[in-house]
């Protein structure tokens, strides 16, 4: 398997003598709660304090070398910079704490690393007065520690090193999600809330940040007419956040099933909508909901429409398509995706990389089981918008937001494509 190299660094603008400054730099994954190790010759460790390097008008850090076998592993990673000021007496002041760089790690590829439009960190002093710049960090939504923790992982609670809901993990996870606005249900049944929050996040990031902040601090939030209030025994007390894998010598490794911020938003929304059963397990078994947990997490079209309407979206078209009518799809697709979201209930198998789409009806393998949001209008292979004059045998192509990215839908005949879409909801993108 091929490896991919990335070379992230940070640039600093400062009027302080370079010899009086030290920095630390790390590539942090808030989902897995790990720091990627530098594999350059310098071997800069995540918390070591290092001298800066003079670079044209500014200073810069050493260039890290991060090696992965799949660039997707870095999607949610954040470049975190700390700056320390040394006095003549040798005292050290932590002047910039946890600066979250606006640059994505993927920008620093081998081919592009010297052409990155850098987010330049600034630290200035007046009359040699050392000042601590925090909390003046433009790239962070600071969350306040509540008197009592709202979200708890039952097996890895407050104080455990693997606690997924620490202040740092929530703040960095939130910033990561704002930078990469594709909520990811990963291995949970939360595709409906993921589709909903994709719309919210890409319409109004301030509303999304408000939802995360108030849920983490207070355990409830209201936006327009949408109330989200997970129960004490529901999403607030999650179990199975990690998949536990036994390795060499029975050593347990933990693989998060979902990111902290995605559980706080998506798990809370799903749980607050359940009037009878709690939703508190971050686990699924396969594409079609086949367990009690899947039953409590599945999003009905009526749920989706209510969430969209209550938060403030204007619904302009909705259609049940269980009869597989091509004309229903054409009507939904007539709205420009630049100004609208087309949310559809389908099956996960329509996305490339998933199992083959069954061409027969069998309850266990074919039926409405997955929510997506189209990211562009559905077109023929020639790039033409589908219309009533498009032949039903024409091969069509489309992209959708699902599983944390913009993914290609399998090319297929228009009639067959329509038969795999069971419900359409179109809303205007504006959200205030």
Protein backbone atom coordinates (compact mmCIF):
# COMPACT_ATOMS: atom_id res chain seq x y z
CA UNK A 1 0.00 0.00 0.00
CA UNK A 2 1.33 3.43 -0.96
CA UNK A 3 2.17 6.03 1.67
CA UNK A 4 1.29 9.71 1.47
CA UNK A 5 3.52 12.42 2.91
CA UNK A 6 2.34 15.80 4.24
CA UNK A 7 4.56 18.64 5.48
CA UNK A 8 2.62 21.01 7.77
CA UNK A 9 4.13 24.04 9.51
CA UNK A 10 3.07 27.38 11.00
CA UNK A 11 4.26 30.91 10.20
CA UNK A 12 4.56 33.52 12.97
CA UNK A 13 4.61 37.31 12.67
CA UNK A 14 6.25 38.90 15.72
CA UNK A 15 8.41 41.86 16.79
CA UNK A 16 10.05 39.85 19.57
CA UNK A 17 13.63 38.63 19.27
CA UNK A 18 13.51 35.14 17.78
CA UNK A 19 15.89 33.88 20.48
CA UNK A 20 13.32 34.74 23.17
CA UNK A 21 10.58 32.59 21.68
CA UNK A 22 9.86 28.87 21.77
CA UNK A 23 7.05 26.93 20.15
CA UNK A 24 5.35 23.57 20.21
CA UNK A 25 3.44 22.13 17.26
CA UNK A 26 1.32 19.02 16.88
CA UNK A 27 -1.08 17.36 14.46
CA UNK A 28 -4.01 16.31 16.63
CA UNK A 29 -6.90 13.99 15.80
CA UNK A 30 -9.80 14.88 18.16
CA UNK A 31 -11.75 11.78 17.13
CA UNK A 32 -9.06 9.24 18.00
CA UNK A 33 -7.46 11.52 20.62
CA UNK A 34 -3.96 10.99 19.22
CA UNK A 35 -1.08 13.18 18.03
CA UNK A 36 0.59 12.13 14.78
CA UNK A 37 4.35 11.76 15.15
CA UNK A 38 6.79 13.80 13.08
CA UNK A 39 8.83 11.53 10.82
CA UNK A 40 11.20 14.21 9.54
CA UNK A 41 14.88 14.17 10.51
CA UNK A 42 14.12 16.79 13.19
CA UNK A 43 11.71 14.46 15.04
CA UNK A 44 9.75 17.31 16.62
CA UNK A 45 7.73 15.72 19.43
CA UNK A 46 4.17 17.02 20.04
CA UNK A 47 4.84 18.97 23.27
CA UNK A 48 8.55 19.80 22.93
CA UNK A 49 9.57 23.49 23.02
CA UNK A 50 11.62 24.45 20.01
CA UNK A 51 13.43 27.44 18.54
CA UNK A 52 11.75 29.15 15.60
CA UNK A 53 13.39 29.59 12.19
CA UNK A 54 13.76 32.90 10.36
CA UNK A 55 11.74 32.85 7.13
CA UNK A 56 11.66 35.94 4.84
CA UNK A 57 9.56 38.54 6.75
CA UNK A 58 8.29 36.16 9.41
CA UNK A 59 9.36 33.28 11.61
CA UNK A 60 8.25 29.71 11.08
CA UNK A 61 8.24 26.39 12.84
CA UNK A 62 10.16 23.39 11.63
CA UNK A 63 8.39 21.52 8.86
CA UNK A 64 6.85 18.32 10.15
CA UNK A 65 6.58 15.17 8.06
CA UNK A 66 3.36 13.24 8.56
CA UNK A 67 3.09 9.88 6.77
CA UNK A 68 -0.21 8.03 6.33
CA UNK A 69 -1.42 5.23 4.07
CA UNK A 70 -4.74 6.99 3.47
CA UNK A 71 -5.13 10.82 3.28
CA UNK A 72 -8.69 10.45 4.60
CA UNK A 73 -7.17 9.70 8.01
CA UNK A 74 -6.17 13.36 8.25
CA UNK A 75 -9.56 14.85 7.37
CA UNK A 76 -10.48 15.71 10.94
CA UNK A 77 -6.98 16.53 12.17
CA UNK A 78 -6.06 19.97 13.48
CA UNK A 79 -2.66 21.71 13.50
CA UNK A 80 -2.22 23.09 17.04
CA UNK A 81 0.41 25.77 17.79
CA UNK A 82 1.62 27.05 21.19
CA UNK A 83 4.03 29.96 21.74
CA UNK A 84 6.22 30.64 24.79
CA UNK A 85 8.06 33.88 25.64
CA UNK A 86 11.36 33.65 27.54
CA UNK A 87 12.39 36.53 29.81
CA UNK A 88 15.95 37.63 30.63
CA UNK A 89 15.65 35.84 33.96
CA UNK A 90 14.74 32.64 32.17
CA UNK A 91 11.08 32.72 33.20
CA UNK A 92 8.66 31.35 30.65
CA UNK A 93 5.25 32.79 29.75
CA UNK A 94 2.76 30.77 27.71
CA UNK A 95 1.63 33.66 25.47
CA UNK A 96 -0.38 31.74 22.86
CA UNK A 97 -2.25 28.62 23.96
CA UNK A 98 -3.68 26.03 21.60
CA UNK A 99 -3.89 28.15 18.47
CA UNK A 100 -5.90 26.08 15.98
CA UNK A 101 -4.53 26.70 12.51
CA UNK A 102 -7.03 27.41 9.75
CA UNK A 103 -4.91 25.35 7.37
CA UNK A 104 -5.93 21.77 6.67
CA UNK A 105 -3.22 19.13 6.89
CA UNK A 106 -4.10 17.94 3.38
CA UNK A 107 -3.01 21.34 2.00
CA UNK A 108 0.62 20.51 2.80
CA UNK A 109 1.07 17.72 0.27
CA UNK A 110 4.47 17.05 -1.29
CA UNK A 111 3.47 18.93 -4.43
CA UNK A 112 1.79 21.90 -2.73
CA UNK A 113 3.58 22.49 0.58
CA UNK A 114 5.39 25.67 -0.57
CA UNK A 115 2.27 27.16 -2.17
CA UNK A 116 -0.08 27.01 0.82
CA UNK A 117 -1.91 30.22 1.71
CA UNK A 118 -0.84 30.20 5.33
CA UNK A 119 -2.88 31.23 8.33
CA UNK A 120 -0.23 33.49 9.89
CA UNK A 121 -0.18 33.60 13.68
CA UNK A 122 0.52 37.08 15.13
CA UNK A 123 2.16 37.98 18.42
CA UNK A 124 3.27 41.58 19.06
CA UNK A 125 4.58 43.36 22.16
CA UNK A 126 4.55 47.08 22.99
CA UNK A 127 7.45 48.56 24.98
CA UNK A 128 8.72 45.06 25.74
CA UNK A 129 5.55 44.18 27.63
CA UNK A 130 4.89 40.47 27.50
CA UNK A 131 1.21 39.70 27.11
CA UNK A 132 -0.78 36.51 27.10
CA UNK A 133 -3.00 36.57 24.03
CA UNK A 134 -5.56 33.99 25.07
CA UNK A 135 -8.50 33.71 24.67
CA UNK A 136 -8.02 35.81 21.51
CA UNK A 137 -8.03 32.88 19.11
CA UNK A 138 -10.05 33.58 15.96
CA UNK A 139 -10.34 29.92 15.06
CA UNK A 140 -11.94 28.52 18.18
CA UNK A 141 -15.43 28.44 19.65
CA UNK A 142 -14.65 28.26 23.34
CA UNK A 143 -16.95 26.07 25.39
CA UNK A 144 -17.31 26.60 29.12
CA UNK A 145 -16.96 23.78 31.61
CA UNK A 146 -20.39 23.05 33.12
CA UNK A 147 -20.70 22.53 36.88
CA UNK A 148 -21.84 18.98 36.14
CA UNK A 149 -20.70 17.09 33.06
CA UNK A 150 -23.57 16.70 30.59
CA UNK A 151 -22.17 13.97 28.30
CA UNK A 152 -20.59 10.85 29.78
CA UNK A 153 -19.17 7.71 28.17
CA UNK A 154 -20.14 5.06 30.70
CA UNK A 155 -16.98 2.97 30.39
CA UNK A 156 -14.60 5.93 29.93
CA UNK A 157 -16.04 8.68 32.16
CA UNK A 158 -14.73 12.00 33.47
CA UNK A 159 -11.06 11.66 34.48
CA UNK A 160 -10.35 8.69 32.21
CA UNK A 161 -7.65 9.37 29.60
CA UNK A 162 -10.03 8.12 26.90
CA UNK A 163 -12.95 10.35 27.95
CA UNK A 164 -14.31 11.52 24.54
CA UNK A 165 -16.07 14.61 25.91
CA UNK A 166 -13.24 16.65 27.42
CA UNK A 167 -13.15 20.39 26.80
CA UNK A 168 -10.17 20.06 24.43
CA UNK A 169 -11.71 17.25 22.39
CA UNK A 170 -15.05 19.01 22.07
CA UNK A 171 -13.48 22.35 21.04
CA UNK A 172 -11.08 20.83 18.53
CA UNK A 173 -13.73 18.43 17.23
CA UNK A 174 -16.10 21.38 16.70
CA UNK A 175 -13.44 23.37 14.87
CA UNK A 176 -12.58 20.35 12.75
CA UNK A 177 -16.24 19.89 11.82
CA UNK A 178 -16.62 23.58 10.88
CA UNK A 179 -13.53 23.33 8.66
CA UNK A 180 -14.69 20.06 7.13
CA UNK A 181 -18.51 20.52 7.01
CA UNK A 182 -19.49 16.90 6.43
CA UNK A 183 -21.03 15.30 9.55
CA UNK A 184 -20.07 11.65 9.69
CA UNK A 185 -22.29 9.00 11.25
CA UNK A 186 -19.47 6.47 10.73
CA UNK A 187 -20.60 3.13 12.21
CA UNK A 188 -23.84 4.38 13.79
CA UNK A 189 -27.44 4.52 12.58
CA UNK A 190 -27.44 8.33 12.52
CA UNK A 191 -27.60 8.97 8.76
CA UNK A 192 -30.80 11.04 9.16
CA UNK A 193 -29.32 13.49 11.69
CA UNK A 194 -26.10 13.54 9.62
CA UNK A 195 -28.06 14.70 6.55
CA UNK A 196 -29.92 17.27 8.64
CA UNK A 197 -26.78 18.71 10.23
CA UNK A 198 -25.01 18.80 6.85
CA UNK A 199 -27.67 21.29 5.80
CA UNK A 200 -27.43 23.31 9.03
CA UNK A 201 -23.63 23.39 9.01
CA UNK A 202 -23.40 24.55 5.40
CA UNK A 203 -26.21 27.10 5.77
CA UNK A 204 -25.18 28.76 9.03
CA UNK A 205 -22.04 27.76 10.93
CA UNK A 206 -22.93 30.09 13.82
CA UNK A 207 -26.17 28.21 14.45
CA UNK A 208 -24.28 24.91 14.32
CA UNK A 209 -21.68 26.17 16.81
CA UNK A 210 -24.46 27.45 19.10
CA UNK A 211 -26.07 23.99 19.09
CA UNK A 212 -22.81 22.27 20.07
CA UNK A 213 -21.89 24.86 22.69
CA UNK A 214 -25.26 24.90 24.45
CA UNK A 215 -25.71 21.13 24.35
CA UNK A 216 -22.28 20.58 25.91
CA UNK A 217 -22.74 23.32 28.50
CA UNK A 218 -26.44 23.00 29.35
CA UNK A 219 -27.70 19.74 27.87
CA UNK A 220 -30.35 21.47 25.77
CA UNK A 221 -30.71 24.07 23.04
CA UNK A 222 -33.51 25.82 21.16
CA UNK A 223 -33.11 27.23 17.64
CA UNK A 224 -36.24 28.88 16.31
CA UNK A 225 -38.88 26.18 16.92
CA UNK A 226 -36.48 23.24 17.16
CA UNK A 227 -35.85 21.97 20.69
CA UNK A 228 -33.02 19.51 21.28
CA UNK A 229 -32.88 18.04 24.77
CA UNK A 230 -31.38 14.55 25.11
CA UNK A 231 -32.43 12.55 28.16
CA UNK A 232 -30.26 11.71 31.15
CA UNK A 233 -30.35 8.01 30.26
CA UNK A 234 -30.25 8.64 26.52
CA UNK A 235 -27.58 10.36 24.42
CA UNK A 236 -26.10 12.08 27.48
CA UNK A 237 -24.98 8.70 28.85
CA UNK A 238 -23.50 6.97 25.82
CA UNK A 239 -22.12 3.44 25.79
CA UNK A 240 -20.17 1.74 23.04
CA UNK A 241 -18.52 4.98 21.88
CA UNK A 242 -15.41 2.93 21.12
CA UNK A 243 -15.04 -0.33 19.29
CA UNK A 244 -12.57 -2.36 21.34
CA UNK A 245 -10.11 -4.44 19.33
CA UNK A 246 -7.74 -7.01 20.82
CA UNK A 247 -4.25 -6.96 19.37
CA UNK A 248 -0.90 -8.54 20.16
CA UNK A 249 -0.71 -9.86 23.73
CA UNK A 250 -4.42 -9.10 24.09
CA UNK A 251 -3.69 -5.36 24.14
CA UNK A 252 -6.92 -3.41 23.65
CA UNK A 253 -6.99 -0.63 21.05
CA UNK A 254 -9.92 1.77 20.92
CA UNK A 255 -11.49 2.85 17.63
CA UNK A 256 -14.11 5.62 18.01
CA UNK A 257 -17.38 4.87 16.26
CA UNK A 258 -18.16 8.59 15.85
CA UNK A 259 -16.56 11.96 16.60
CA UNK A 260 -17.41 13.71 19.90
CA UNK A 261 -19.11 16.66 18.21
CA UNK A 262 -21.13 14.44 15.86
CA UNK A 263 -22.44 12.43 18.81
CA UNK A 264 -23.33 15.60 20.73
CA UNK A 265 -25.34 16.97 17.79
CA UNK A 266 -26.66 13.91 15.98
CA UNK A 267 -27.12 11.60 18.95
CA UNK A 268 -28.84 14.35 20.93
CA UNK A 269 -31.24 15.20 18.11
CA UNK A 270 -32.22 11.57 17.60
CA UNK A 271 -32.63 10.89 21.32
CA UNK A 272 -34.64 14.05 22.01
CA UNK A 273 -37.12 13.01 19.32
CA UNK A 274 -37.74 9.59 20.89
CA UNK A 275 -40.70 9.84 23.27
CA UNK A 276 -40.60 6.22 24.48
CA UNK A 277 -37.15 4.67 24.00
CA UNK A 278 -33.75 6.19 24.80
CA UNK A 279 -31.04 6.32 22.14
CA UNK A 280 -27.66 5.92 23.83
CA UNK A 281 -25.59 3.37 21.92
CA UNK A 282 -23.01 4.38 19.31
CA UNK A 283 -23.15 1.09 17.44
CA UNK A 284 -24.71 -0.39 14.33
CA UNK A 285 -24.51 -3.78 12.65
CA UNK A 286 -25.08 -3.30 8.93
CA UNK A 287 -26.74 -1.08 6.31
CA UNK A 288 -30.33 -1.97 7.11
CA UNK A 289 -31.49 -1.30 10.66
CA UNK A 290 -31.74 -4.79 12.12
CA UNK A 291 -31.56 -4.27 15.86
CA UNK A 292 -33.41 -2.43 18.59
CA UNK A 293 -30.75 0.26 18.47
CA UNK A 294 -31.38 0.70 14.75
CA UNK A 295 -35.11 0.95 15.39
CA UNK A 296 -34.64 3.76 17.93
CA UNK A 297 -32.26 5.65 15.61
CA UNK A 298 -34.07 5.41 12.26
CA UNK A 299 -35.29 8.75 10.89
CA UNK A 300 -38.75 8.77 9.33
CA UNK A 301 -39.54 11.28 6.56
CA UNK A 302 -41.97 12.99 8.93
CA UNK A 303 -39.10 13.43 11.42
CA UNK A 304 -36.85 14.97 8.78
CA UNK A 305 -39.52 17.36 7.53
CA UNK A 306 -40.33 18.46 11.08
CA UNK A 307 -36.67 19.10 11.96
CA UNK A 308 -36.12 21.13 8.80
CA UNK A 309 -39.28 23.18 9.26
CA UNK A 310 -38.78 23.79 12.99
CA UNK A 311 -35.20 25.00 12.68
CA UNK A 312 -36.31 27.53 10.08
CA UNK A 313 -35.91 26.07 6.59
CA UNK A 314 -38.52 26.76 3.94
CA UNK A 315 -39.66 23.46 2.43
CA UNK A 316 -40.48 24.01 -1.24
CA UNK A 317 -41.09 20.43 -2.38
CA UNK A 318 -41.68 17.05 -0.79
CA UNK A 319 -42.73 13.83 -2.46
CA UNK A 320 -43.09 10.20 -1.52
CA UNK A 321 -41.65 8.08 -4.30
CA UNK A 322 -42.47 4.51 -3.31
CA UNK A 323 -44.00 4.00 -6.76
CA UNK A 324 -40.58 4.81 -8.30
CA UNK A 325 -41.87 7.56 -10.59
CA UNK A 326 -39.17 9.22 -12.68
CA UNK A 327 -41.27 12.39 -12.94
CA UNK A 328 -41.07 12.86 -9.14
CA UNK A 329 -37.29 12.77 -9.31
CA UNK A 330 -37.25 15.21 -12.23
CA UNK A 331 -39.45 17.66 -10.30
CA UNK A 332 -37.18 17.50 -7.26
CA UNK A 333 -34.06 17.84 -9.39
CA UNK A 334 -35.42 20.93 -11.19
CA UNK A 335 -34.48 23.09 -8.20
CA UNK A 336 -30.97 24.55 -8.43
CA UNK A 337 -28.64 22.90 -5.94
CA UNK A 338 -26.81 26.23 -5.59
CA UNK A 339 -29.80 27.61 -3.69
CA UNK A 340 -31.50 24.44 -2.42
CA UNK A 341 -30.81 21.19 -0.62
CA UNK A 342 -32.30 18.01 -2.06
CA UNK A 343 -32.52 15.52 0.80
CA UNK A 344 -33.43 11.96 -0.16
CA UNK A 345 -34.26 8.70 1.58
CA UNK A 346 -32.55 5.88 -0.29
CA UNK A 347 -30.22 2.95 0.50
CA UNK A 348 -26.52 3.06 1.27
CA UNK A 349 -25.73 0.73 -1.64
CA UNK A 350 -26.24 3.50 -4.22
CA UNK A 351 -22.93 5.10 -3.16
CA UNK A 352 -19.73 3.98 -4.88
CA UNK A 353 -17.67 1.61 -2.75
CA UNK A 354 -20.76 0.08 -1.15
CA UNK A 355 -22.20 -3.40 -1.93
CA UNK A 356 -23.91 -3.98 -5.26
CA UNK A 357 -27.41 -2.53 -5.55
CA UNK A 358 -29.89 -5.43 -5.58
CA UNK A 359 -32.14 -5.55 -8.64
CA UNK A 360 -34.91 -7.37 -6.87
CA UNK A 361 -37.09 -6.55 -3.90
CA UNK A 362 -36.15 -8.33 -0.72
CA UNK A 363 -36.88 -6.67 2.60
CA UNK A 364 -33.54 -7.44 4.21
CA UNK A 365 -31.42 -6.00 1.42
CA UNK A 366 -33.54 -3.48 -0.45
CA UNK A 367 -35.64 -0.69 0.91
CA UNK A 368 -35.42 2.80 2.44
CA UNK A 369 -32.56 2.73 4.91
CA UNK A 370 -30.24 5.68 4.31
CA UNK A 371 -30.48 9.49 4.10
CA UNK A 372 -28.29 11.58 1.77
CA UNK A 373 -28.10 15.19 0.57
CA UNK A 374 -27.39 15.76 -3.12
CA UNK A 375 -24.51 18.21 -3.57
CA UNK A 376 -25.23 18.90 -7.24
CA UNK A 377 -28.05 18.39 -9.68
CA UNK A 378 -28.48 14.93 -11.18
CA UNK A 379 -27.23 14.90 -14.76
CA UNK A 380 -26.72 12.57 -17.69
CA UNK A 381 -23.22 11.34 -18.51
CA UNK A 382 -23.12 14.16 -21.08
CA UNK A 383 -23.56 16.71 -18.31
CA UNK A 384 -27.15 17.61 -19.14
CA UNK A 385 -29.78 18.16 -16.45
CA UNK A 386 -32.37 15.37 -16.48
CA UNK A 387 -35.75 16.48 -17.82
CA UNK A 388 -39.01 14.92 -18.95
CA UNK A 389 -37.42 14.33 -22.37
CA UNK A 390 -34.52 12.31 -20.93
CA UNK A 391 -34.75 8.65 -21.88
CA UNK A 392 -35.38 6.40 -18.88
CA UNK A 393 -32.55 4.16 -20.06
CA UNK A 394 -30.09 7.08 -20.00
CA UNK A 395 -27.17 6.65 -17.59
CA UNK A 396 -27.17 9.38 -14.95
CA UNK A 397 -24.53 10.64 -12.55
CA UNK A 398 -24.71 12.42 -9.20
CA UNK A 399 -22.85 13.29 -6.00
CA UNK A 400 -24.09 13.39 -2.43
CA UNK A 401 -23.01 14.24 1.10
CA UNK A 402 -22.84 11.07 3.18
CA UNK A 403 -20.44 9.27 5.54
CA UNK A 404 -18.38 12.41 6.08
CA UNK A 405 -17.58 13.47 2.52
CA UNK A 406 -18.88 14.36 -0.93
CA UNK A 407 -19.28 10.93 -2.52
CA UNK A 408 -20.10 9.76 -6.01
CA UNK A 409 -23.32 7.85 -6.58
CA UNK A 410 -22.98 4.81 -8.81
CA UNK A 411 -23.78 5.50 -12.46
CA UNK A 412 -27.06 3.80 -13.37
CA UNK A 413 -30.08 4.05 -15.64
CA UNK A 414 -32.45 6.88 -14.79
CA UNK A 415 -35.38 4.52 -14.20
CA UNK A 416 -33.35 2.26 -11.89
CA UNK A 417 -31.92 5.26 -10.07
CA UNK A 418 -35.40 6.60 -9.43
CA UNK A 419 -36.52 3.22 -8.10
CA UNK A 420 -33.85 3.47 -5.38
CA UNK A 421 -35.07 6.86 -4.10
CA UNK A 422 -38.06 6.68 -1.78
CA UNK A 423 -38.65 10.21 -0.51
CA UNK A 424 -37.59 13.69 -1.60
CA UNK A 425 -37.48 16.89 0.45
CA UNK A 426 -36.27 20.15 -1.09
CA UNK A 427 -35.56 23.21 1.07
CA UNK A 428 -34.14 26.66 0.41
CA UNK A 429 -30.60 26.95 1.78
CA UNK A 430 -31.22 30.14 3.76
CA UNK A 431 -31.23 29.61 7.53
CA UNK A 432 -31.34 32.44 10.06
